[in-house]
Amino acid sequence: MEWKSYIVSDKEVLLGKPVIKDTRISIELILELLSTGWSEEMIYESYPTLQPVHMKAVFSYLKECMQHELFFPLPKSA
């Protein structure tokens, strides 16, 4: 999956946060919705411009971020 075809960052749009191309739907918003229990179907219903390929791009983007160590290390639990 070539996520760069679907995810862009422009300092003029949402202060440069990564968004789905040609939208103002941020990757952060999609992750927030998923983390609070929204299903992909619920997201597609609320944001009809999104397609399954966009969701695949989000996960591909995140995988690449993890591979490049663009994450917050977690402290060891007690």
N, C-alpha and C. Protein backbone atom coordinates (compact mmCIF):
# COMPACT_ATOMS: atom_id res chain seq x y z
N MET A 1 0.86 -1.19 0.00
CA MET A 1 0.00 0.00 0.00
C MET A 1 0.89 1.23 0.00
N GLU A 2 0.71 2.07 -0.97
CA GLU A 2 1.46 3.33 -1.07
C GLU A 2 0.62 4.43 -0.42
N TRP A 3 0.81 4.62 0.88
CA TRP A 3 -0.02 5.57 1.62
C TRP A 3 0.16 7.00 1.15
N LYS A 4 1.31 7.32 0.57
CA LYS A 4 1.59 8.70 0.16
C LYS A 4 0.64 9.18 -0.95
N SER A 5 -0.06 8.27 -1.58
CA SER A 5 -1.06 8.65 -2.57
C SER A 5 -2.35 9.13 -1.92
N TYR A 6 -2.51 8.84 -0.61
CA TYR A 6 -3.77 9.11 0.08
C TYR A 6 -3.64 10.03 1.29
N ILE A 7 -2.44 10.19 1.81
CA ILE A 7 -2.25 11.01 3.01
C ILE A 7 -1.25 12.12 2.69
N VAL A 8 -1.63 13.34 3.05
CA VAL A 8 -0.78 14.50 2.78
C VAL A 8 -0.68 15.37 4.03
N SER A 9 0.30 16.25 4.01
CA SER A 9 0.47 17.23 5.08
C SER A 9 0.76 18.57 4.43
N ASP A 10 -0.02 19.57 4.80
CA ASP A 10 0.12 20.91 4.25
C ASP A 10 -0.04 21.89 5.42
N LYS A 11 0.95 22.73 5.65
CA LYS A 11 0.88 23.64 6.79
C LYS A 11 -0.33 24.56 6.74
N GLU A 12 -0.96 24.69 5.59
CA GLU A 12 -2.16 25.53 5.45
C GLU A 12 -3.45 24.77 5.82
N VAL A 13 -3.34 23.47 6.04
CA VAL A 13 -4.51 22.65 6.38
C VAL A 13 -4.27 22.00 7.74
N LEU A 14 -5.10 22.33 8.70
CA LEU A 14 -5.01 21.79 10.06
C LEU A 14 -3.60 21.88 10.64
N LEU A 15 -2.95 22.99 10.39
CA LEU A 15 -1.62 23.26 10.94
C LEU A 15 -0.58 22.22 10.53
N GLY A 16 -0.80 21.58 9.39
CA GLY A 16 0.17 20.61 8.89
C GLY A 16 -0.03 19.19 9.36
N LYS A 17 -1.09 18.94 10.11
CA LYS A 17 -1.34 17.56 10.53
C LYS A 17 -1.60 16.69 9.30
N PRO A 18 -1.18 15.43 9.33
CA PRO A 18 -1.48 14.54 8.21
C PRO A 18 -2.99 14.36 8.07
N VAL A 19 -3.47 14.48 6.84
CA VAL A 19 -4.90 14.34 6.54
C VAL A 19 -5.08 13.45 5.32
N ILE A 20 -6.29 12.96 5.16
CA ILE A 20 -6.65 12.25 3.94
C ILE A 20 -6.65 13.28 2.82
N LYS A 21 -5.98 12.95 1.74
CA LYS A 21 -5.84 13.87 0.60
C LYS A 21 -7.21 14.42 0.16
N ASP A 22 -7.23 15.71 -0.14
CA ASP A 22 -8.43 16.43 -0.60
C ASP A 22 -9.53 16.50 0.44
N THR A 23 -9.18 16.32 1.73
CA THR A 23 -10.16 16.47 2.81
C THR A 23 -9.48 17.23 3.95
N ARG A 24 -10.26 17.49 4.97
CA ARG A 24 -9.71 18.01 6.22
C ARG A 24 -9.88 16.96 7.32
N ILE A 25 -9.95 15.71 6.93
CA ILE A 25 -10.09 14.60 7.87
C ILE A 25 -8.68 14.15 8.26
N SER A 26 -8.33 14.41 9.51
CA SER A 26 -6.97 14.10 9.96
C SER A 26 -6.83 12.64 10.35
N ILE A 27 -5.60 12.17 10.25
CA ILE A 27 -5.28 10.82 10.71
C ILE A 27 -5.56 10.74 12.21
N GLU A 28 -5.24 11.82 12.90
CA GLU A 28 -5.49 11.88 14.34
C GLU A 28 -6.98 11.66 14.65
N LEU A 29 -7.87 12.28 13.89
CA LEU A 29 -9.31 12.11 14.11
C LEU A 29 -9.72 10.66 13.89
N ILE A 30 -9.24 10.07 12.82
CA ILE A 30 -9.60 8.67 12.53
C ILE A 30 -9.15 7.77 13.67
N LEU A 31 -7.93 7.97 14.15
CA LEU A 31 -7.43 7.15 15.25
C LEU A 31 -8.20 7.39 16.54
N GLU A 32 -8.57 8.64 16.77
CA GLU A 32 -9.37 8.96 17.96
C GLU A 32 -10.72 8.24 17.90
N LEU A 33 -11.36 8.28 16.75
CA LEU A 33 -12.64 7.61 16.61
C LEU A 33 -12.51 6.10 16.83
N LEU A 34 -11.50 5.49 16.21
CA LEU A 34 -11.29 4.06 16.38
C LEU A 34 -10.99 3.71 17.84
N SER A 35 -10.19 4.54 18.50
CA SER A 35 -9.80 4.25 19.88
C SER A 35 -10.95 4.41 20.86
N THR A 36 -11.98 5.15 20.47
CA THR A 36 -13.13 5.33 21.35
C THR A 36 -14.28 4.39 21.01
N GLY A 37 -14.01 3.43 20.12
CA GLY A 37 -15.01 2.40 19.87
C GLY A 37 -15.77 2.49 18.56
N TRP A 38 -15.50 3.51 17.77
CA TRP A 38 -16.18 3.58 16.47
C TRP A 38 -15.69 2.45 15.58
N SER A 39 -16.61 1.88 14.82
CA SER A 39 -16.22 0.88 13.82
C SER A 39 -15.88 1.61 12.52
N GLU A 40 -15.21 0.90 11.64
CA GLU A 40 -14.91 1.51 10.33
C GLU A 40 -16.21 1.88 9.62
N GLU A 41 -17.23 1.06 9.76
CA GLU A 41 -18.52 1.35 9.11
C GLU A 41 -19.12 2.64 9.64
N MET A 42 -19.01 2.86 10.94
CA MET A 42 -19.53 4.10 11.53
C MET A 42 -18.78 5.31 10.98
N ILE A 43 -17.47 5.17 10.82
CA ILE A 43 -16.67 6.26 10.28
C ILE A 43 -17.08 6.54 8.84
N TYR A 44 -17.26 5.48 8.03
CA TYR A 44 -17.66 5.68 6.63
C TYR A 44 -19.03 6.34 6.54
N GLU A 45 -19.94 6.00 7.45
CA GLU A 45 -21.27 6.61 7.44
C GLU A 45 -21.19 8.10 7.79
N SER A 46 -20.34 8.44 8.74
CA SER A 46 -20.22 9.83 9.18
C SER A 46 -19.38 10.68 8.25
N TYR A 47 -18.45 10.04 7.54
CA TYR A 47 -17.55 10.74 6.63
C TYR A 47 -17.60 10.03 5.27
N PRO A 48 -18.65 10.27 4.50
CA PRO A 48 -18.88 9.50 3.27
C PRO A 48 -17.81 9.65 2.20
N THR A 49 -16.93 10.62 2.31
CA THR A 49 -15.84 10.73 1.33
C THR A 49 -14.75 9.70 1.59
N LEU A 50 -14.73 9.14 2.79
CA LEU A 50 -13.72 8.12 3.10
C LEU A 50 -14.10 6.78 2.47
N GLN A 51 -13.08 6.08 2.04
CA GLN A 51 -13.24 4.76 1.42
C GLN A 51 -12.33 3.78 2.16
N PRO A 52 -12.57 2.48 2.02
CA PRO A 52 -11.69 1.50 2.67
C PRO A 52 -10.22 1.68 2.32
N VAL A 53 -9.92 2.13 1.13
CA VAL A 53 -8.52 2.34 0.76
C VAL A 53 -7.87 3.41 1.63
N HIS A 54 -8.65 4.38 2.08
CA HIS A 54 -8.12 5.41 2.97
C HIS A 54 -7.74 4.80 4.32
N MET A 55 -8.57 3.91 4.82
CA MET A 55 -8.29 3.27 6.10
C MET A 55 -7.03 2.42 5.99
N LYS A 56 -6.87 1.72 4.88
CA LYS A 56 -5.65 0.93 4.67
C LYS A 56 -4.44 1.85 4.63
N ALA A 57 -4.59 3.02 4.03
CA ALA A 57 -3.49 3.98 3.97
C ALA A 57 -3.12 4.47 5.37
N VAL A 58 -4.12 4.68 6.22
CA VAL A 58 -3.86 5.13 7.60
C VAL A 58 -2.98 4.10 8.30
N PHE A 59 -3.34 2.83 8.19
CA PHE A 59 -2.58 1.80 8.88
C PHE A 59 -1.20 1.61 8.26
N SER A 60 -1.09 1.76 6.97
CA SER A 60 0.21 1.68 6.31
C SER A 60 1.10 2.83 6.76
N TYR A 61 0.54 4.02 6.87
CA TYR A 61 1.25 5.19 7.36
C TYR A 61 1.76 4.95 8.78
N LEU A 62 0.89 4.44 9.63
CA LEU A 62 1.27 4.17 11.02
C LEU A 62 2.37 3.12 11.11
N LYS A 63 2.28 2.10 10.29
CA LYS A 63 3.30 1.06 10.27
C LYS A 63 4.66 1.66 9.91
N GLU A 64 4.67 2.52 8.91
CA GLU A 64 5.92 3.15 8.51
C GLU A 64 6.46 4.07 9.61
N CYS A 65 5.56 4.78 10.29
CA CYS A 65 6.00 5.62 11.41
C CYS A 65 6.66 4.77 12.49
N MET A 66 6.08 3.63 12.78
CA MET A 66 6.66 2.75 13.79
C MET A 66 8.02 2.21 13.34
N GLN A 67 8.13 1.90 12.08
CA GLN A 67 9.39 1.38 11.55
C GLN A 67 10.49 2.44 11.64
N HIS A 68 10.11 3.70 11.55
CA HIS A 68 11.08 4.79 11.62
C HIS A 68 11.17 5.37 13.04
N GLU A 69 10.61 4.64 13.98
CA GLU A 69 10.66 5.00 15.40
C GLU A 69 10.06 6.36 15.68
N LEU A 70 8.98 6.68 14.98
CA LEU A 70 8.26 7.93 15.24
C LEU A 70 7.10 7.63 16.20
N PHE A 71 7.47 7.28 17.43
CA PHE A 71 6.47 6.94 18.43
C PHE A 71 7.01 7.34 19.79
N PHE A 72 6.16 7.29 20.79
CA PHE A 72 6.56 7.61 22.15
C PHE A 72 6.88 6.31 22.87
N PRO A 73 8.13 6.14 23.33
CA PRO A 73 8.46 4.93 24.09
C PRO A 73 7.59 4.82 25.33
N LEU A 74 7.20 3.63 25.67
CA LEU A 74 6.37 3.40 26.84
C LEU A 74 7.26 3.02 28.02
N PRO A 75 7.02 3.61 29.18
CA PRO A 75 7.81 3.24 30.35
C PRO A 75 7.49 1.81 30.76
N LYS A 76 8.46 1.17 31.40
CA LYS A 76 8.23 -0.19 31.90
C LYS A 76 7.20 -0.11 33.02
N SER A 77 6.28 -1.05 33.02
CA SER A 77 5.28 -1.07 34.08
C SER A 77 5.85 -1.77 35.30
N ALA A 78 5.32 -1.41 36.45
CA ALA A 78 5.86 -1.96 37.70
C ALA A 78 5.42 -3.38 37.92
